[in-house]
């Protein structure tokens, strides 16, 4: 099975092409902004490196956030568009889960992963020995750190970088039904409808 993995949730634009045994191609660029313009060319570049076409891809994996509102949607939209003609599965995983697996691939430790989502808030999750103890939650920073301290994890990871290769390998055995590619937003949109109404 060949998996194409994508991440545009942060400053990096990352694309990985893997199978069960090895990395076929990998690119990551710290571009800050402009993911929408750079993602498709990067996918083409790694497909050329791997000597593959879109017909050779069996599954896609995408990082669902938390991250920038626009960036999160870039990879998500690309993955779903890529998958649509052949109805390929698209697996979604949070950056928090990916950071945890990168540090603890065997699932032997108690890990808390934290993303600073600004405005004095943290989005965090806890995965202890491979089991989800706390699903991603956004809280005021002081409240979050008190809750994390009570859990007494072995390691706290803050603001890591998503490795597309880890994302691809994690997605290998996962079902798109159980891990759908749905954005993980740390808070609601700032946009207002006419009359100052917040969209749901």
C-alpha atoms as a PDB file:
ATOM      1  CA  UNK A   1       0.000   0.000   0.000  1.00  0.00           C
ATOM      2  CA  UNK A   2       1.311   3.438  -0.953  1.00  0.00           C
ATOM      3  CA  UNK A   3       0.281   6.407   1.178  1.00  0.00           C
ATOM      4  CA  UNK A   4       0.527  10.103   0.354  1.00  0.00           C
ATOM      5  CA  UNK A   5       0.728  12.216   3.529  1.00  0.00           C
ATOM      6  CA  UNK A   6       0.227  15.982   3.690  1.00  0.00           C
ATOM      7  CA  UNK A   7       0.611  18.702   6.311  1.00  0.00           C
ATOM      8  CA  UNK A   8       0.012  22.447   5.947  1.00  0.00           C
ATOM      9  CA  UNK A   9      -1.177  23.260   9.471  1.00  0.00           C
ATOM     10  CA  UNK A  10       1.901  25.246  10.483  1.00  0.00           C
ATOM     11  CA  UNK A  11       4.769  27.130   8.826  1.00  0.00           C
ATOM     12  CA  UNK A  12       5.989  23.951   7.122  1.00  0.00           C
ATOM     13  CA  UNK A  13       4.566  22.555   3.914  1.00  0.00           C
ATOM     14  CA  UNK A  14       5.215  18.816   4.088  1.00  0.00           C
ATOM     15  CA  UNK A  15       4.589  15.946   1.693  1.00  0.00           C
ATOM     16  CA  UNK A  16       5.593  12.313   2.196  1.00  0.00           C
ATOM     17  CA  UNK A  17       5.190   9.251   0.027  1.00  0.00           C
ATOM     18  CA  UNK A  18       5.615   5.942   1.869  1.00  0.00           C
ATOM     19  CA  UNK A  19       4.766   2.286   1.741  1.00  0.00           C
ATOM     20  CA  UNK A  20       4.850  -0.201   4.602  1.00  0.00           C
ATOM     21  CA  UNK A  21       8.605  -0.716   4.351  1.00  0.00           C
ATOM     22  CA  UNK A  22      10.253   2.543   3.342  1.00  0.00           C
ATOM     23  CA  UNK A  23      10.032   6.212   2.492  1.00  0.00           C
ATOM     24  CA  UNK A  24       9.641   6.562  -1.260  1.00  0.00           C
ATOM     25  CA  UNK A  25       9.979  10.366  -1.271  1.00  0.00           C
ATOM     26  CA  UNK A  26       9.800  13.199   1.252  1.00  0.00           C
ATOM     27  CA  UNK A  27       9.852  16.992   1.109  1.00  0.00           C
ATOM     28  CA  UNK A  28       9.323  19.626   3.766  1.00  0.00           C
ATOM     29  CA  UNK A  29       9.773  23.381   3.425  1.00  0.00           C
ATOM     30  CA  UNK A  30       9.460  26.104   6.039  1.00  0.00           C
ATOM     31  CA  UNK A  31       7.540  28.586   3.915  1.00  0.00           C
ATOM     32  CA  UNK A  32       5.479  30.394   6.552  1.00  0.00           C
ATOM     33  CA  UNK A  33       2.651  31.192   4.147  1.00  0.00           C
ATOM     34  CA  UNK A  34       1.677  30.273   0.620  1.00  0.00           C
ATOM     35  CA  UNK A  35       0.839  26.615   1.243  1.00  0.00           C
ATOM     36  CA  UNK A  36      -1.965  26.651  -1.324  1.00  0.00           C
ATOM     37  CA  UNK A  37       0.473  27.670  -4.060  1.00  0.00           C
ATOM     38  CA  UNK A  38       3.277  25.316  -3.041  1.00  0.00           C
ATOM     39  CA  UNK A  39       1.483  22.098  -2.063  1.00  0.00           C
ATOM     40  CA  UNK A  40       0.499  20.809  -5.515  1.00  0.00           C
ATOM     41  CA  UNK A  41       3.975  21.358  -7.033  1.00  0.00           C
ATOM     42  CA  UNK A  42       5.546  19.561  -4.067  1.00  0.00           C
ATOM     43  CA  UNK A  43       3.228  16.600  -4.554  1.00  0.00           C
ATOM     44  CA  UNK A  44       4.205  16.490  -8.231  1.00  0.00           C
ATOM     45  CA  UNK A  45       7.889  16.643  -7.284  1.00  0.00           C
ATOM     46  CA  UNK A  46       7.749  13.702  -4.888  1.00  0.00           C
ATOM     47  CA  UNK A  47       5.599  11.666  -7.264  1.00  0.00           C
ATOM     48  CA  UNK A  48       8.305  12.179  -9.878  1.00  0.00           C
ATOM     49  CA  UNK A  49      11.005  11.169  -7.393  1.00  0.00           C
ATOM     50  CA  UNK A  50       9.081   8.003  -6.572  1.00  0.00           C
ATOM     51  CA  UNK A  51       8.363   7.386 -10.271  1.00  0.00           C
ATOM     52  CA  UNK A  52       4.655   7.102  -9.478  1.00  0.00           C
ATOM     53  CA  UNK A  53       1.398   8.588 -10.709  1.00  0.00           C
ATOM     54  CA  UNK A  54      -1.835   9.352  -8.880  1.00  0.00           C
ATOM     55  CA  UNK A  55      -3.103   5.916  -9.942  1.00  0.00           C
ATOM     56  CA  UNK A  56      -0.419   4.300  -7.774  1.00  0.00           C
ATOM     57  CA  UNK A  57      -1.656   5.888  -4.523  1.00  0.00           C
ATOM     58  CA  UNK A  58      -3.859   3.718  -2.288  1.00  0.00           C
ATOM     59  CA  UNK A  59      -4.559   6.003   0.673  1.00  0.00           C
ATOM     60  CA  UNK A  60      -4.046   9.580   1.794  1.00  0.00           C
ATOM     61  CA  UNK A  61      -3.233  10.908   5.245  1.00  0.00           C
ATOM     62  CA  UNK A  62      -3.594  14.504   6.339  1.00  0.00           C
ATOM     63  CA  UNK A  63      -2.791  16.435   9.502  1.00  0.00           C
ATOM     64  CA  UNK A  64      -6.030  17.895  10.842  1.00  0.00           C
ATOM     65  CA  UNK A  65      -4.592  20.550  13.168  1.00  0.00           C
ATOM     66  CA  UNK A  66      -4.594  22.423  15.385  1.00  0.00           C
ATOM     67  CA  UNK A  67      -2.990  25.082  13.259  1.00  0.00           C
ATOM     68  CA  UNK A  68      -3.846  28.113  11.196  1.00  0.00           C
ATOM     69  CA  UNK A  69      -7.446  28.190   9.997  1.00  0.00           C
ATOM     70  CA  UNK A  70      -6.481  28.571   6.334  1.00  0.00           C
ATOM     71  CA  UNK A  71      -3.478  26.256   6.432  1.00  0.00           C
ATOM     72  CA  UNK A  72      -5.465  23.445   7.987  1.00  0.00           C
ATOM     73  CA  UNK A  73      -7.968  23.585   5.137  1.00  0.00           C
ATOM     74  CA  UNK A  74      -5.349  23.620   2.357  1.00  0.00           C
ATOM     75  CA  UNK A  75      -4.077  20.065   2.812  1.00  0.00           C
ATOM     76  CA  UNK A  76      -7.562  18.835   3.729  1.00  0.00           C
ATOM     77  CA  UNK A  77      -9.104  20.156   0.519  1.00  0.00           C
ATOM     78  CA  UNK A  78      -6.216  18.895  -1.611  1.00  0.00           C
ATOM     79  CA  UNK A  79      -6.372  15.408  -0.089  1.00  0.00           C
ATOM     80  CA  UNK A  80     -10.115  15.096  -0.602  1.00  0.00           C
ATOM     81  CA  UNK A  81      -9.862  16.382  -4.177  1.00  0.00           C
ATOM     82  CA  UNK A  82      -7.032  13.955  -4.919  1.00  0.00           C
ATOM     83  CA  UNK A  83      -8.977  11.073  -3.409  1.00  0.00           C
ATOM     84  CA  UNK A  84     -12.357  11.770  -4.997  1.00  0.00           C
ATOM     85  CA  UNK A  85     -11.934  10.307  -8.537  1.00  0.00           C
ATOM     86  CA  UNK A  86     -10.918   6.868  -7.211  1.00  0.00           C
ATOM     87  CA  UNK A  87     -12.752   7.131  -3.890  1.00  0.00           C
ATOM     88  CA  UNK A  88      -9.535   6.629  -1.934  1.00  0.00           C
ATOM     89  CA  UNK A  89      -9.648   6.635   1.867  1.00  0.00           C
ATOM     90  CA  UNK A  90      -8.387   9.802   3.568  1.00  0.00           C
ATOM     91  CA  UNK A  91      -7.199   9.388   7.160  1.00  0.00           C
ATOM     92  CA  UNK A  92      -6.950  12.424   9.442  1.00  0.00           C
ATOM     93  CA  UNK A  93      -4.696  12.692  12.493  1.00  0.00           C
ATOM     94  CA  UNK A  94      -3.993  15.623  14.786  1.00  0.00           C
ATOM     95  CA  UNK A  95      -0.554  17.145  15.048  1.00  0.00           C
ATOM     96  CA  UNK A  96      -0.698  16.305  18.773  1.00  0.00           C
ATOM     97  CA  UNK A  97      -1.050  12.586  17.992  1.00  0.00           C
ATOM     98  CA  UNK A  98       1.719  12.749  15.390  1.00  0.00           C
ATOM     99  CA  UNK A  99       4.152  14.497  17.767  1.00  0.00           C
ATOM    100  CA  UNK A 100       3.384  11.889  20.427  1.00  0.00           C
ATOM    101  CA  UNK A 101       3.985   8.960  18.091  1.00  0.00           C
ATOM    102  CA  UNK A 102       7.212  10.532  16.833  1.00  0.00           C
ATOM    103  CA  UNK A 103       8.581  10.722  20.364  1.00  0.00           C
ATOM    104  CA  UNK A 104       7.075   7.443  21.599  1.00  0.00           C
ATOM    105  CA  UNK A 105       6.626   5.125  18.582  1.00  0.00           C
ATOM    106  CA  UNK A 106       6.177   2.006  20.709  1.00  0.00           C
ATOM    107  CA  UNK A 107       3.514   3.559  22.948  1.00  0.00           C
ATOM    108  CA  UNK A 108       5.431   2.910  26.154  1.00  0.00           C
ATOM    109  CA  UNK A 109       5.284   6.331  27.830  1.00  0.00           C
ATOM    110  CA  UNK A 110       2.744   8.786  29.233  1.00  0.00           C
ATOM    111  CA  UNK A 111       2.832  11.769  26.871  1.00  0.00           C
ATOM    112  CA  UNK A 112       1.086  15.126  26.811  1.00  0.00           C
ATOM    113  CA  UNK A 113       1.337  17.170  23.613  1.00  0.00           C
ATOM    114  CA  UNK A 114       0.635  20.906  23.679  1.00  0.00           C
ATOM    115  CA  UNK A 115       0.073  23.424  20.897  1.00  0.00           C
ATOM    116  CA  UNK A 116       0.172  27.133  21.744  1.00  0.00           C
ATOM    117  CA  UNK A 117      -2.857  28.438  19.848  1.00  0.00           C
ATOM    118  CA  UNK A 118      -2.295  32.018  21.044  1.00  0.00           C
ATOM    119  CA  UNK A 119      -4.642  34.393  22.840  1.00  0.00           C
ATOM    120  CA  UNK A 120      -3.387  32.858  26.072  1.00  0.00           C
ATOM    121  CA  UNK A 121      -4.777  29.424  25.219  1.00  0.00           C
ATOM    122  CA  UNK A 122      -3.309  25.943  24.766  1.00  0.00           C
ATOM    123  CA  UNK A 123      -4.708  23.017  22.809  1.00  0.00           C
ATOM    124  CA  UNK A 124      -3.489  19.771  24.317  1.00  0.00           C
ATOM    125  CA  UNK A 125      -4.056  16.039  24.486  1.00  0.00           C
ATOM    126  CA  UNK A 126      -2.772  13.160  26.599  1.00  0.00           C
ATOM    127  CA  UNK A 127      -1.821   9.746  25.230  1.00  0.00           C
ATOM    128  CA  UNK A 128      -0.629   7.367  27.930  1.00  0.00           C
ATOM    129  CA  UNK A 129       1.044   4.149  26.760  1.00  0.00           C
ATOM    130  CA  UNK A 130      -0.640   4.432  23.381  1.00  0.00           C
ATOM    131  CA  UNK A 131      -4.123   5.043  24.799  1.00  0.00           C
ATOM    132  CA  UNK A 132      -5.961   8.364  24.430  1.00  0.00           C
ATOM    133  CA  UNK A 133      -6.555   9.712  27.950  1.00  0.00           C
ATOM    134  CA  UNK A 134      -7.548  13.255  26.998  1.00  0.00           C
ATOM    135  CA  UNK A 135      -8.851  14.121  23.543  1.00  0.00           C
ATOM    136  CA  UNK A 136      -7.615  17.464  22.142  1.00  0.00           C
ATOM    137  CA  UNK A 137      -9.026  20.294  24.213  1.00  0.00           C
ATOM    138  CA  UNK A 138      -8.424  24.055  24.167  1.00  0.00           C
ATOM    139  CA  UNK A 139      -8.180  25.810  27.529  1.00  0.00           C
ATOM    140  CA  UNK A 140      -6.716  28.983  29.027  1.00  0.00           C
ATOM    141  CA  UNK A 141      -3.008  28.353  29.514  1.00  0.00           C
ATOM    142  CA  UNK A 142      -3.016  28.354  33.327  1.00  0.00           C
ATOM    143  CA  UNK A 143      -6.009  26.019  33.501  1.00  0.00           C
ATOM    144  CA  UNK A 144      -4.431  23.672  30.969  1.00  0.00           C
ATOM    145  CA  UNK A 145      -1.114  23.500  32.804  1.00  0.00           C
ATOM    146  CA  UNK A 146      -2.842  22.757  36.108  1.00  0.00           C
ATOM    147  CA  UNK A 147      -4.739  19.885  34.482  1.00  0.00           C
ATOM    148  CA  UNK A 148      -1.581  18.559  32.855  1.00  0.00           C
ATOM    149  CA  UNK A 149       0.373  18.732  36.129  1.00  0.00           C
ATOM    150  CA  UNK A 150      -2.269  16.554  37.797  1.00  0.00           C
ATOM    151  CA  UNK A 151      -1.772  13.896  35.137  1.00  0.00           C
ATOM    152  CA  UNK A 152       1.986  13.780  35.889  1.00  0.00           C
ATOM    153  CA  UNK A 153       3.074  12.662  32.381  1.00  0.00           C
ATOM    154  CA  UNK A 154       6.508  11.219  31.614  1.00  0.00           C
ATOM    155  CA  UNK A 155       7.036  13.854  28.945  1.00  0.00           C
ATOM    156  CA  UNK A 156       5.407  17.057  27.729  1.00  0.00           C
ATOM    157  CA  UNK A 157       5.927  17.966  24.066  1.00  0.00           C
ATOM    158  CA  UNK A 158       5.254  21.558  23.104  1.00  0.00           C
ATOM    159  CA  UNK A 159       4.840  22.969  19.601  1.00  0.00           C
ATOM    160  CA  UNK A 160       6.540  20.170  17.700  1.00  0.00           C
ATOM    161  CA  UNK A 161       6.914  19.815  13.948  1.00  0.00           C
ATOM    162  CA  UNK A 162       4.801  17.320  12.015  1.00  0.00           C
ATOM    163  CA  UNK A 163       6.888  14.663  10.290  1.00  0.00           C
ATOM    164  CA  UNK A 164       4.990  13.540   7.213  1.00  0.00           C
ATOM    165  CA  UNK A 165       6.669  10.150   7.287  1.00  0.00           C
ATOM    166  CA  UNK A 166       5.322   9.475  10.774  1.00  0.00           C
ATOM    167  CA  UNK A 167       1.879  10.607   9.640  1.00  0.00           C
ATOM    168  CA  UNK A 168       1.978   8.189   6.688  1.00  0.00           C
ATOM    169  CA  UNK A 169       3.048   5.214   8.789  1.00  0.00           C
ATOM    170  CA  UNK A 170       0.484   5.936  11.487  1.00  0.00           C
ATOM    171  CA  UNK A 171      -2.249   6.030   8.840  1.00  0.00           C
ATOM    172  CA  UNK A 172      -1.193   2.727   7.287  1.00  0.00           C
ATOM    173  CA  UNK A 173      -3.407   0.547   9.499  1.00  0.00           C
ATOM    174  CA  UNK A 174      -6.062   3.141  10.335  1.00  0.00           C
ATOM    175  CA  UNK A 175      -9.571   3.351   8.928  1.00  0.00           C
ATOM    176  CA  UNK A 176     -10.806   6.587   7.393  1.00  0.00           C
ATOM    177  CA  UNK A 177     -14.175   5.874   9.028  1.00  0.00           C
ATOM    178  CA  UNK A 178     -12.631   5.853  12.500  1.00  0.00           C
ATOM    179  CA  UNK A 179     -10.108   8.628  11.761  1.00  0.00           C
ATOM    180  CA  UNK A 180     -11.887  10.972   9.339  1.00  0.00           C
ATOM    181  CA  UNK A 181     -10.156  13.927   7.717  1.00  0.00           C
ATOM    182  CA  UNK A 182     -12.015  16.610   9.644  1.00  0.00           C
ATOM    183  CA  UNK A 183     -10.322  19.837  10.727  1.00  0.00           C
ATOM    184  CA  UNK A 184      -9.409  20.219  14.391  1.00  0.00           C
ATOM    185  CA  UNK A 185      -9.955  23.894  15.099  1.00  0.00           C
ATOM    186  CA  UNK A 186      -8.732  25.223  18.421  1.00  0.00           C
ATOM    187  CA  UNK A 187     -11.559  27.781  18.519  1.00  0.00           C
ATOM    188  CA  UNK A 188     -14.493  28.999  16.474  1.00  0.00           C
ATOM    189  CA  UNK A 189     -14.071  31.401  13.556  1.00  0.00           C
ATOM    190  CA  UNK A 190     -13.636  35.119  14.154  1.00  0.00           C
ATOM    191  CA  UNK A 191     -15.904  35.940  11.219  1.00  0.00           C
ATOM    192  CA  UNK A 192     -19.312  37.394  11.963  1.00  0.00           C
ATOM    193  CA  UNK A 193     -22.509  37.173   9.953  1.00  0.00           C
ATOM    194  CA  UNK A 194     -24.534  40.345   9.334  1.00  0.00           C
ATOM    195  CA  UNK A 195     -25.838  41.660  12.616  1.00  0.00           C
ATOM    196  CA  UNK A 196     -22.784  40.395  14.514  1.00  0.00           C
ATOM    197  CA  UNK A 197     -24.005  36.795  14.595  1.00  0.00           C
ATOM    198  CA  UNK A 198     -21.287  34.168  15.048  1.00  0.00           C
ATOM    199  CA  UNK A 199     -21.534  31.273  12.573  1.00  0.00           C
ATOM    200  CA  UNK A 200     -22.007  27.838  14.126  1.00  0.00           C
END
